[in-house]
Amino acid sequence: PSSPVINVGVGWCFYHGRRFDEAIKEYRAALEISPDFGLAHAVLGMALEHSGAYAQAIEEFNKASQWKASPSFVLAGLGCAHALAGHAREARQALDQLDEAARKEYVPAVYHAAIWAALGDKDRGIEWTRKAVEERSDYVVYLGSEPWADPLRADPRFQQILQDVKEQRAK
């Protein structure tokens, strides 16, 4: 409880269990200890967006944007929050910025997938999720529980992706 990293880890478990209020509590506890902890602002934004507090989520992602360790992660979260808030133009701007960043550094395809899913474009969400699997993104391990993927979850193509990942892990 005196370590913001532990609070974030506990919050991450709650987030994936869709216990967003509890995740928010843990992330805020982390920020009480370390107010400038960029990761805590980013994951707090993720939990807030999935609990429907879009304006607060956007605010947290903007705070997290000062965090230099993973700017594309923060940008993806911001894009998702804008998409879920109905700000399609801002979400598409985030996609454009991720494309620009990808010209200079690795940007996981899963970030695009999350924004497309939040925009309601299942085809592009699944296309980018498939790319994430092909590039062997480490984030793929969360596909089975990741809340951003919920809009894609019932689609047979997404279920096939999950099956493919399961078979790859079994090898």
N, C-alpha and C. Protein backbone atom coordinates (compact mmCIF):
# COMPACT_ATOMS: atom_id res chain seq x y z
N PRO A 1 0.80 -1.23 0.00
CA PRO A 1 0.00 0.00 0.00
C PRO A 1 0.83 1.28 0.00
N SER A 2 2.11 1.20 0.33
CA SER A 2 2.95 2.39 0.26
C SER A 2 3.73 2.46 -1.05
N SER A 3 3.42 1.58 -1.97
CA SER A 3 4.10 1.56 -3.26
C SER A 3 3.09 1.82 -4.38
N PRO A 4 3.28 2.90 -5.14
CA PRO A 4 2.33 3.16 -6.23
C PRO A 4 2.33 2.06 -7.29
N VAL A 5 3.45 1.40 -7.47
CA VAL A 5 3.51 0.31 -8.45
C VAL A 5 2.59 -0.84 -8.02
N ILE A 6 2.58 -1.15 -6.73
CA ILE A 6 1.70 -2.21 -6.22
C ILE A 6 0.24 -1.80 -6.42
N ASN A 7 -0.10 -0.55 -6.10
CA ASN A 7 -1.47 -0.08 -6.30
C ASN A 7 -1.88 -0.20 -7.77
N VAL A 8 -0.98 0.16 -8.67
CA VAL A 8 -1.29 0.05 -10.09
C VAL A 8 -1.49 -1.41 -10.48
N GLY A 9 -0.65 -2.30 -9.95
CA GLY A 9 -0.80 -3.73 -10.26
C GLY A 9 -2.13 -4.29 -9.76
N VAL A 10 -2.52 -3.92 -8.58
CA VAL A 10 -3.81 -4.37 -8.04
C VAL A 10 -4.94 -3.77 -8.87
N GLY A 11 -4.81 -2.49 -9.19
CA GLY A 11 -5.82 -1.85 -10.03
C GLY A 11 -5.96 -2.51 -11.39
N TRP A 12 -4.84 -2.94 -11.96
CA TRP A 12 -4.83 -3.61 -13.26
C TRP A 12 -5.66 -4.89 -13.20
N CYS A 13 -5.54 -5.62 -12.11
CA CYS A 13 -6.35 -6.84 -11.93
C CYS A 13 -7.83 -6.49 -11.86
N PHE A 14 -8.17 -5.47 -11.10
CA PHE A 14 -9.57 -5.04 -11.02
C PHE A 14 -10.07 -4.57 -12.39
N TYR A 15 -9.24 -3.84 -13.10
CA TYR A 15 -9.61 -3.34 -14.43
C TYR A 15 -9.98 -4.50 -15.36
N HIS A 16 -9.13 -5.51 -15.38
CA HIS A 16 -9.40 -6.66 -16.26
C HIS A 16 -10.57 -7.49 -15.77
N GLY A 17 -10.93 -7.37 -14.51
CA GLY A 17 -12.11 -8.03 -13.99
C GLY A 17 -13.36 -7.17 -14.13
N ARG A 18 -13.21 -6.03 -14.79
CA ARG A 18 -14.29 -5.07 -15.00
C ARG A 18 -14.86 -4.53 -13.70
N ARG A 19 -14.01 -4.47 -12.72
CA ARG A 19 -14.36 -3.87 -11.43
C ARG A 19 -13.74 -2.47 -11.42
N PHE A 20 -14.29 -1.62 -12.27
CA PHE A 20 -13.69 -0.33 -12.57
C PHE A 20 -13.63 0.60 -11.36
N ASP A 21 -14.67 0.59 -10.53
CA ASP A 21 -14.65 1.46 -9.34
C ASP A 21 -13.48 1.11 -8.42
N GLU A 22 -13.23 -0.19 -8.26
CA GLU A 22 -12.12 -0.62 -7.42
C GLU A 22 -10.77 -0.30 -8.07
N ALA A 23 -10.71 -0.44 -9.39
CA ALA A 23 -9.48 -0.08 -10.12
C ALA A 23 -9.20 1.41 -9.94
N ILE A 24 -10.22 2.22 -10.10
CA ILE A 24 -10.08 3.67 -9.95
C ILE A 24 -9.56 4.00 -8.55
N LYS A 25 -10.09 3.34 -7.56
CA LYS A 25 -9.64 3.57 -6.18
C LYS A 25 -8.15 3.26 -6.03
N GLU A 26 -7.70 2.15 -6.59
CA GLU A 26 -6.28 1.77 -6.50
C GLU A 26 -5.38 2.75 -7.25
N TYR A 27 -5.82 3.16 -8.44
CA TYR A 27 -5.02 4.09 -9.23
C TYR A 27 -4.92 5.44 -8.53
N ARG A 28 -6.03 5.88 -7.94
CA ARG A 28 -5.99 7.15 -7.20
C ARG A 28 -5.09 7.05 -5.97
N ALA A 29 -5.09 5.87 -5.34
CA ALA A 29 -4.19 5.66 -4.19
C ALA A 29 -2.74 5.77 -4.64
N ALA A 30 -2.43 5.23 -5.82
CA ALA A 30 -1.07 5.34 -6.36
C ALA A 30 -0.70 6.80 -6.59
N LEU A 31 -1.66 7.57 -7.07
CA LEU A 31 -1.38 8.98 -7.36
C LEU A 31 -1.29 9.82 -6.09
N GLU A 32 -1.92 9.38 -5.02
CA GLU A 32 -1.74 10.08 -3.74
C GLU A 32 -0.30 9.95 -3.27
N ILE A 33 0.29 8.78 -3.53
CA ILE A 33 1.68 8.54 -3.13
C ILE A 33 2.64 9.24 -4.09
N SER A 34 2.33 9.15 -5.37
CA SER A 34 3.22 9.68 -6.41
C SER A 34 2.39 10.43 -7.46
N PRO A 35 2.08 11.70 -7.22
CA PRO A 35 1.19 12.46 -8.12
C PRO A 35 1.66 12.58 -9.57
N ASP A 36 2.95 12.42 -9.82
CA ASP A 36 3.47 12.55 -11.18
C ASP A 36 3.69 11.20 -11.88
N PHE A 37 3.14 10.14 -11.33
CA PHE A 37 3.33 8.79 -11.87
C PHE A 37 2.48 8.65 -13.13
N GLY A 38 3.12 8.82 -14.29
CA GLY A 38 2.43 8.82 -15.57
C GLY A 38 1.62 7.57 -15.84
N LEU A 39 2.17 6.41 -15.52
CA LEU A 39 1.44 5.17 -15.76
C LEU A 39 0.14 5.16 -14.97
N ALA A 40 0.16 5.63 -13.74
CA ALA A 40 -1.05 5.64 -12.92
C ALA A 40 -2.10 6.56 -13.54
N HIS A 41 -1.69 7.70 -14.08
CA HIS A 41 -2.65 8.59 -14.76
C HIS A 41 -3.24 7.89 -15.98
N ALA A 42 -2.40 7.19 -16.74
CA ALA A 42 -2.87 6.52 -17.96
C ALA A 42 -3.86 5.40 -17.65
N VAL A 43 -3.52 4.54 -16.70
CA VAL A 43 -4.43 3.43 -16.40
C VAL A 43 -5.69 3.93 -15.69
N LEU A 44 -5.57 5.01 -14.92
CA LEU A 44 -6.76 5.63 -14.34
C LEU A 44 -7.67 6.12 -15.47
N GLY A 45 -7.07 6.71 -16.49
CA GLY A 45 -7.86 7.13 -17.65
C GLY A 45 -8.58 5.96 -18.30
N MET A 46 -7.91 4.82 -18.41
CA MET A 46 -8.54 3.64 -19.00
C MET A 46 -9.74 3.19 -18.17
N ALA A 47 -9.59 3.13 -16.87
CA ALA A 47 -10.69 2.70 -16.00
C ALA A 47 -11.84 3.71 -16.04
N LEU A 48 -11.50 4.98 -16.05
CA LEU A 48 -12.55 6.01 -16.11
C LEU A 48 -13.33 5.94 -17.42
N GLU A 49 -12.63 5.73 -18.53
CA GLU A 49 -13.34 5.67 -19.81
C GLU A 49 -14.29 4.49 -19.85
N HIS A 50 -13.91 3.37 -19.27
CA HIS A 50 -14.78 2.19 -19.28
C HIS A 50 -15.89 2.29 -18.24
N SER A 51 -15.79 3.24 -17.34
CA SER A 51 -16.88 3.45 -16.39
C SER A 51 -17.79 4.59 -16.88
N GLY A 52 -17.49 5.14 -18.04
CA GLY A 52 -18.34 6.16 -18.65
C GLY A 52 -17.98 7.59 -18.30
N ALA A 53 -16.92 7.80 -17.54
CA ALA A 53 -16.48 9.15 -17.16
C ALA A 53 -15.48 9.66 -18.19
N TYR A 54 -15.98 9.96 -19.37
CA TYR A 54 -15.10 10.28 -20.50
C TYR A 54 -14.30 11.57 -20.30
N ALA A 55 -14.94 12.61 -19.80
CA ALA A 55 -14.22 13.87 -19.60
C ALA A 55 -13.09 13.70 -18.59
N GLN A 56 -13.35 12.96 -17.53
CA GLN A 56 -12.30 12.71 -16.53
C GLN A 56 -11.19 11.86 -17.14
N ALA A 57 -11.57 10.88 -17.96
CA ALA A 57 -10.58 10.02 -18.61
C ALA A 57 -9.66 10.86 -19.50
N ILE A 58 -10.25 11.73 -20.29
CA ILE A 58 -9.46 12.59 -21.17
C ILE A 58 -8.51 13.45 -20.35
N GLU A 59 -9.00 13.96 -19.23
CA GLU A 59 -8.16 14.77 -18.35
C GLU A 59 -6.96 13.97 -17.83
N GLU A 60 -7.20 12.72 -17.44
CA GLU A 60 -6.11 11.87 -16.94
C GLU A 60 -5.10 11.55 -18.04
N PHE A 61 -5.59 11.28 -19.25
CA PHE A 61 -4.65 11.02 -20.34
C PHE A 61 -3.83 12.26 -20.66
N ASN A 62 -4.45 13.42 -20.56
CA ASN A 62 -3.69 14.65 -20.78
C ASN A 62 -2.61 14.82 -19.72
N LYS A 63 -2.91 14.46 -18.47
CA LYS A 63 -1.88 14.49 -17.42
C LYS A 63 -0.80 13.47 -17.72
N ALA A 64 -1.20 12.31 -18.19
CA ALA A 64 -0.24 11.24 -18.49
C ALA A 64 0.64 11.59 -19.68
N SER A 65 0.20 12.51 -20.51
CA SER A 65 0.99 12.84 -21.70
C SER A 65 2.35 13.44 -21.34
N GLN A 66 2.50 13.86 -20.11
CA GLN A 66 3.80 14.36 -19.65
C GLN A 66 4.78 13.21 -19.41
N TRP A 67 4.25 12.00 -19.33
CA TRP A 67 5.03 10.79 -19.08
C TRP A 67 5.76 10.41 -20.37
N LYS A 68 7.04 10.40 -20.35
CA LYS A 68 7.83 10.18 -21.56
C LYS A 68 8.08 8.70 -21.86
N ALA A 69 7.79 7.82 -20.92
CA ALA A 69 8.14 6.40 -21.09
C ALA A 69 7.35 5.73 -22.20
N SER A 70 6.10 6.09 -22.40
CA SER A 70 5.28 5.40 -23.39
C SER A 70 4.24 6.34 -23.99
N PRO A 71 4.68 7.29 -24.79
CA PRO A 71 3.72 8.26 -25.33
C PRO A 71 2.66 7.64 -26.24
N SER A 72 2.99 6.59 -26.98
CA SER A 72 1.98 6.00 -27.86
C SER A 72 0.90 5.27 -27.06
N PHE A 73 1.24 4.70 -25.92
CA PHE A 73 0.27 4.06 -25.03
C PHE A 73 -0.74 5.10 -24.55
N VAL A 74 -0.23 6.24 -24.13
CA VAL A 74 -1.09 7.32 -23.65
C VAL A 74 -1.95 7.86 -24.79
N LEU A 75 -1.36 8.05 -25.96
CA LEU A 75 -2.10 8.54 -27.11
C LEU A 75 -3.23 7.59 -27.50
N ALA A 76 -2.96 6.28 -27.44
CA ALA A 76 -4.00 5.30 -27.74
C ALA A 76 -5.15 5.40 -26.74
N GLY A 77 -4.81 5.54 -25.48
CA GLY A 77 -5.86 5.69 -24.47
C GLY A 77 -6.68 6.94 -24.69
N LEU A 78 -6.01 8.03 -25.03
CA LEU A 78 -6.70 9.28 -25.31
C LEU A 78 -7.62 9.12 -26.52
N GLY A 79 -7.13 8.45 -27.54
CA GLY A 79 -7.95 8.21 -28.72
C GLY A 79 -9.19 7.40 -28.40
N CYS A 80 -9.03 6.38 -27.57
CA CYS A 80 -10.18 5.57 -27.16
C CYS A 80 -11.18 6.40 -26.36
N ALA A 81 -10.69 7.20 -25.44
CA ALA A 81 -11.57 8.02 -24.62
C ALA A 81 -12.36 8.99 -25.49
N HIS A 82 -11.69 9.60 -26.46
CA HIS A 82 -12.39 10.51 -27.37
C HIS A 82 -13.43 9.75 -28.19
N ALA A 83 -13.07 8.58 -28.68
CA ALA A 83 -14.02 7.79 -29.47
C ALA A 83 -15.26 7.44 -28.65
N LEU A 84 -15.04 6.96 -27.44
CA LEU A 84 -16.17 6.57 -26.59
C LEU A 84 -17.02 7.77 -26.18
N ALA A 85 -16.40 8.95 -26.12
CA ALA A 85 -17.12 10.17 -25.79
C ALA A 85 -17.88 10.74 -26.99
N GLY A 86 -17.70 10.11 -28.16
CA GLY A 86 -18.37 10.59 -29.36
C GLY A 86 -17.58 11.63 -30.13
N HIS A 87 -16.30 11.77 -29.81
CA HIS A 87 -15.43 12.74 -30.49
C HIS A 87 -14.63 12.01 -31.58
N ALA A 88 -15.31 11.62 -32.64
CA ALA A 88 -14.67 10.81 -33.69
C ALA A 88 -13.49 11.53 -34.33
N ARG A 89 -13.62 12.84 -34.53
CA ARG A 89 -12.52 13.59 -35.17
C ARG A 89 -11.24 13.50 -34.34
N GLU A 90 -11.37 13.68 -33.02
CA GLU A 90 -10.20 13.62 -32.14
C GLU A 90 -9.63 12.21 -32.09
N ALA A 91 -10.50 11.20 -32.13
CA ALA A 91 -10.03 9.82 -32.13
C ALA A 91 -9.24 9.53 -33.41
N ARG A 92 -9.73 10.02 -34.53
CA ARG A 92 -9.01 9.82 -35.80
C ARG A 92 -7.69 10.59 -35.83
N GLN A 93 -7.67 11.73 -35.17
CA GLN A 93 -6.41 12.47 -35.05
C GLN A 93 -5.39 11.65 -34.26
N ALA A 94 -5.86 10.97 -33.22
CA ALA A 94 -4.96 10.10 -32.45
C ALA A 94 -4.42 8.98 -33.33
N LEU A 95 -5.28 8.41 -34.18
CA LEU A 95 -4.81 7.37 -35.11
C LEU A 95 -3.74 7.93 -36.05
N ASP A 96 -3.98 9.13 -36.56
CA ASP A 96 -2.98 9.76 -37.44
C ASP A 96 -1.66 9.98 -36.70
N GLN A 97 -1.75 10.42 -35.45
CA GLN A 97 -0.54 10.66 -34.66
C GLN A 97 0.19 9.34 -34.38
N LEU A 98 -0.55 8.26 -34.16
CA LEU A 98 0.09 6.95 -33.97
C LEU A 98 0.80 6.52 -35.25
N ASP A 99 0.16 6.77 -36.40
CA ASP A 99 0.81 6.45 -37.69
C ASP A 99 2.10 7.24 -37.85
N GLU A 100 2.06 8.52 -37.48
CA GLU A 100 3.26 9.36 -37.57
C GLU A 100 4.35 8.84 -36.64
N ALA A 101 3.97 8.50 -35.42
CA ALA A 101 4.96 7.97 -34.46
C ALA A 101 5.56 6.66 -34.95
N ALA A 102 4.74 5.85 -35.63
CA ALA A 102 5.20 4.55 -36.13
C ALA A 102 6.27 4.69 -37.20
N ARG A 103 6.39 5.85 -37.79
CA ARG A 103 7.45 6.08 -38.78
C ARG A 103 8.81 6.19 -38.11
N LYS A 104 8.80 6.47 -36.80
CA LYS A 104 10.04 6.69 -36.07
C LYS A 104 10.33 5.62 -35.02
N GLU A 105 9.29 4.94 -34.55
CA GLU A 105 9.44 3.98 -33.45
C GLU A 105 8.36 2.91 -33.54
N TYR A 106 8.55 1.86 -32.78
CA TYR A 106 7.56 0.80 -32.74
C TYR A 106 6.30 1.27 -32.02
N VAL A 107 5.17 1.13 -32.68
CA VAL A 107 3.86 1.41 -32.08
C VAL A 107 3.04 0.13 -32.23
N PRO A 108 2.71 -0.51 -31.13
CA PRO A 108 1.96 -1.77 -31.22
C PRO A 108 0.64 -1.61 -31.98
N ALA A 109 0.36 -2.54 -32.86
CA ALA A 109 -0.88 -2.52 -33.64
C ALA A 109 -2.11 -2.56 -32.75
N VAL A 110 -1.96 -3.11 -31.57
CA VAL A 110 -3.10 -3.21 -30.66
C VAL A 110 -3.62 -1.82 -30.28
N TYR A 111 -2.79 -0.80 -30.33
CA TYR A 111 -3.24 0.56 -30.01
C TYR A 111 -4.25 1.04 -31.06
N HIS A 112 -3.95 0.76 -32.32
CA HIS A 112 -4.90 1.07 -33.39
C HIS A 112 -6.19 0.26 -33.21
N ALA A 113 -6.02 -1.02 -32.90
CA ALA A 113 -7.18 -1.89 -32.73
C ALA A 113 -8.14 -1.34 -31.67
N ALA A 114 -7.59 -0.89 -30.57
CA ALA A 114 -8.41 -0.37 -29.48
C ALA A 114 -9.20 0.86 -29.91
N ILE A 115 -8.56 1.76 -30.63
CA ILE A 115 -9.26 2.97 -31.07
C ILE A 115 -10.34 2.63 -32.09
N TRP A 116 -10.02 1.76 -33.04
CA TRP A 116 -11.03 1.37 -34.03
C TRP A 116 -12.21 0.68 -33.35
N ALA A 117 -11.94 -0.15 -32.36
CA ALA A 117 -13.04 -0.80 -31.62
C ALA A 117 -13.89 0.25 -30.91
N ALA A 118 -13.24 1.23 -30.30
CA ALA A 118 -13.98 2.29 -29.60
C ALA A 118 -14.79 3.14 -30.57
N LEU A 119 -14.31 3.29 -31.79
CA LEU A 119 -15.05 4.02 -32.81
C LEU A 119 -16.22 3.21 -33.37
N GLY A 120 -16.28 1.93 -33.02
CA GLY A 120 -17.35 1.07 -33.51
C GLY A 120 -17.08 0.43 -34.85
N ASP A 121 -15.84 0.50 -35.33
CA ASP A 121 -15.47 -0.10 -36.60
C ASP A 121 -14.87 -1.48 -36.32
N LYS A 122 -15.75 -2.48 -36.29
CA LYS A 122 -15.31 -3.83 -35.95
C LYS A 122 -14.32 -4.39 -36.96
N ASP A 123 -14.56 -4.11 -38.24
CA ASP A 123 -13.67 -4.66 -39.26
C ASP A 123 -12.23 -4.19 -39.06
N ARG A 124 -12.06 -2.89 -38.87
CA ARG A 124 -10.70 -2.37 -38.66
C ARG A 124 -10.16 -2.79 -37.29
N GLY A 125 -11.03 -2.87 -36.30
CA GLY A 125 -10.59 -3.33 -34.98
C GLY A 125 -10.03 -4.74 -35.05
N ILE A 126 -10.73 -5.60 -35.77
CA ILE A 126 -10.27 -6.99 -35.92
C ILE A 126 -9.03 -7.06 -36.80
N GLU A 127 -9.01 -6.28 -37.87
CA GLU A 127 -7.83 -6.24 -38.75
C GLU A 127 -6.57 -5.87 -37.95
N TRP A 128 -6.66 -4.83 -37.12
CA TRP A 128 -5.51 -4.39 -36.34
C TRP A 128 -5.19 -5.36 -35.20
N THR A 129 -6.21 -6.04 -34.68
CA THR A 129 -5.95 -7.06 -33.65
C THR A 129 -5.16 -8.21 -34.27
N ARG A 130 -5.55 -8.59 -35.48
CA ARG A 130 -4.82 -9.64 -36.19
C ARG A 130 -3.37 -9.22 -36.44
N LYS A 131 -3.17 -7.95 -36.80
CA LYS A 131 -1.80 -7.45 -37.00
C LYS A 131 -1.01 -7.53 -35.70
N ALA A 132 -1.67 -7.23 -34.58
CA ALA A 132 -0.99 -7.31 -33.28
C ALA A 132 -0.51 -8.72 -32.99
N VAL A 133 -1.33 -9.70 -33.35
CA VAL A 133 -0.94 -11.10 -33.16
C VAL A 133 0.23 -11.43 -34.08
N GLU A 134 0.14 -11.00 -35.34
CA GLU A 134 1.21 -11.27 -36.31
C GLU A 134 2.53 -10.66 -35.88
N GLU A 135 2.49 -9.48 -35.27
CA GLU A 135 3.73 -8.85 -34.84
C GLU A 135 4.19 -9.36 -33.48
N ARG A 136 3.41 -10.26 -32.91
CA ARG A 136 3.72 -10.87 -31.61
C ARG A 136 3.82 -9.82 -30.49
N SER A 137 2.89 -8.89 -30.54
CA SER A 137 2.81 -7.86 -29.51
C SER A 137 2.59 -8.51 -28.15
N ASP A 138 3.33 -8.05 -27.16
CA ASP A 138 3.17 -8.62 -25.82
C ASP A 138 1.78 -8.33 -25.25
N TYR A 139 1.12 -7.32 -25.74
CA TYR A 139 -0.20 -6.96 -25.22
C TYR A 139 -1.26 -7.98 -25.59
N VAL A 140 -0.97 -8.85 -26.55
CA VAL A 140 -1.91 -9.87 -26.99
C VAL A 140 -2.32 -10.79 -25.84
N VAL A 141 -1.47 -10.93 -24.84
CA VAL A 141 -1.81 -11.82 -23.72
C VAL A 141 -3.06 -11.32 -22.98
N TYR A 142 -3.41 -10.06 -23.14
CA TYR A 142 -4.58 -9.50 -22.46
C TYR A 142 -5.86 -9.58 -23.29
N LEU A 143 -5.81 -10.05 -24.53
CA LEU A 143 -6.99 -10.01 -25.39
C LEU A 143 -8.20 -10.72 -24.79
N GLY A 144 -7.97 -11.77 -24.05
CA GLY A 144 -9.09 -12.52 -23.48
C GLY A 144 -9.84 -11.75 -22.41
N SER A 145 -9.20 -10.76 -21.80
CA SER A 145 -9.84 -10.02 -20.72
C SER A 145 -9.87 -8.51 -20.91
N GLU A 146 -9.26 -8.02 -21.95
CA GLU A 146 -9.14 -6.57 -22.15
C GLU A 146 -10.49 -5.93 -22.45
N PRO A 147 -10.91 -4.97 -21.63
CA PRO A 147 -12.21 -4.33 -21.85
C PRO A 147 -12.36 -3.62 -23.19
N TRP A 148 -11.28 -3.04 -23.74
CA TRP A 148 -11.45 -2.35 -25.02
C TRP A 148 -11.90 -3.31 -26.11
N ALA A 149 -11.61 -4.60 -25.95
CA ALA A 149 -11.96 -5.59 -26.97
C ALA A 149 -13.40 -6.08 -26.87
N ASP A 150 -14.12 -5.67 -25.85
CA ASP A 150 -15.49 -6.14 -25.67
C ASP A 150 -16.39 -5.94 -26.89
N PRO A 151 -16.31 -4.82 -27.60
CA PRO A 151 -17.16 -4.66 -28.78
C PRO A 151 -16.86 -5.67 -29.89
N LEU A 152 -15.67 -6.27 -29.86
CA LEU A 152 -15.27 -7.23 -30.88
C LEU A 152 -15.49 -8.68 -30.45
N ARG A 153 -15.68 -8.88 -29.18
CA ARG A 153 -15.63 -10.21 -28.58
C ARG A 153 -16.59 -11.23 -29.19
N ALA A 154 -17.81 -10.82 -29.55
CA ALA A 154 -18.80 -11.76 -30.07
C ALA A 154 -18.57 -12.11 -31.54
N ASP A 155 -17.74 -11.37 -32.22
CA ASP A 155 -17.49 -11.60 -33.64
C ASP A 155 -16.68 -12.89 -33.82
N PRO A 156 -17.12 -13.78 -34.69
CA PRO A 156 -16.39 -15.05 -34.91
C PRO A 156 -14.93 -14.84 -35.32
N ARG A 157 -14.65 -13.76 -36.02
CA ARG A 157 -13.26 -13.49 -36.43
C ARG A 157 -12.39 -13.20 -35.21
N PHE A 158 -12.94 -12.49 -34.24
CA PHE A 158 -12.19 -12.22 -33.01
C PHE A 158 -12.00 -13.51 -32.22
N GLN A 159 -13.03 -14.32 -32.17
CA GLN A 159 -12.93 -15.60 -31.47
C GLN A 159 -11.86 -16.47 -32.12
N GLN A 160 -11.74 -16.40 -33.44
CA GLN A 160 -10.69 -17.16 -34.13
C GLN A 160 -9.32 -16.64 -33.76
N ILE A 161 -9.19 -15.32 -33.63
CA ILE A 161 -7.91 -14.75 -33.20
C ILE A 161 -7.54 -15.28 -31.83
N LEU A 162 -8.49 -15.28 -30.91
CA LEU A 162 -8.23 -15.81 -29.56
C LEU A 162 -7.81 -17.27 -29.62
N GLN A 163 -8.47 -18.05 -30.47
CA GLN A 163 -8.12 -19.46 -30.63
C GLN A 163 -6.71 -19.61 -31.19
N ASP A 164 -6.37 -18.79 -32.17
CA ASP A 164 -5.03 -18.83 -32.76
C ASP A 164 -3.96 -18.51 -31.71
N VAL A 165 -4.23 -17.51 -30.88
CA VAL A 165 -3.28 -17.14 -29.82
C VAL A 165 -3.13 -18.31 -28.85
N LYS A 166 -4.24 -18.92 -28.49
CA LYS A 166 -4.21 -20.06 -27.57
C LYS A 166 -3.37 -21.19 -28.15
N GLU A 167 -3.54 -21.46 -29.43
CA GLU A 167 -2.77 -22.54 -30.06
C GLU A 167 -1.29 -22.18 -30.14
N GLN A 168 -0.97 -20.92 -30.40
CA GLN A 168 0.44 -20.50 -30.44
C GLN A 168 1.08 -20.68 -29.07
N ARG A 169 0.33 -20.37 -28.02
CA ARG A 169 0.88 -20.50 -26.65
C ARG A 169 1.11 -21.95 -26.30
N ALA A 170 0.31 -22.85 -26.88
CA ALA A 170 0.42 -24.26 -26.55
C ALA A 170 1.66 -24.90 -27.21
N LYS A 171 2.19 -24.27 -28.24
CA LYS A 171 3.34 -24.82 -28.96
C LYS A 171 4.61 -24.72 -28.14
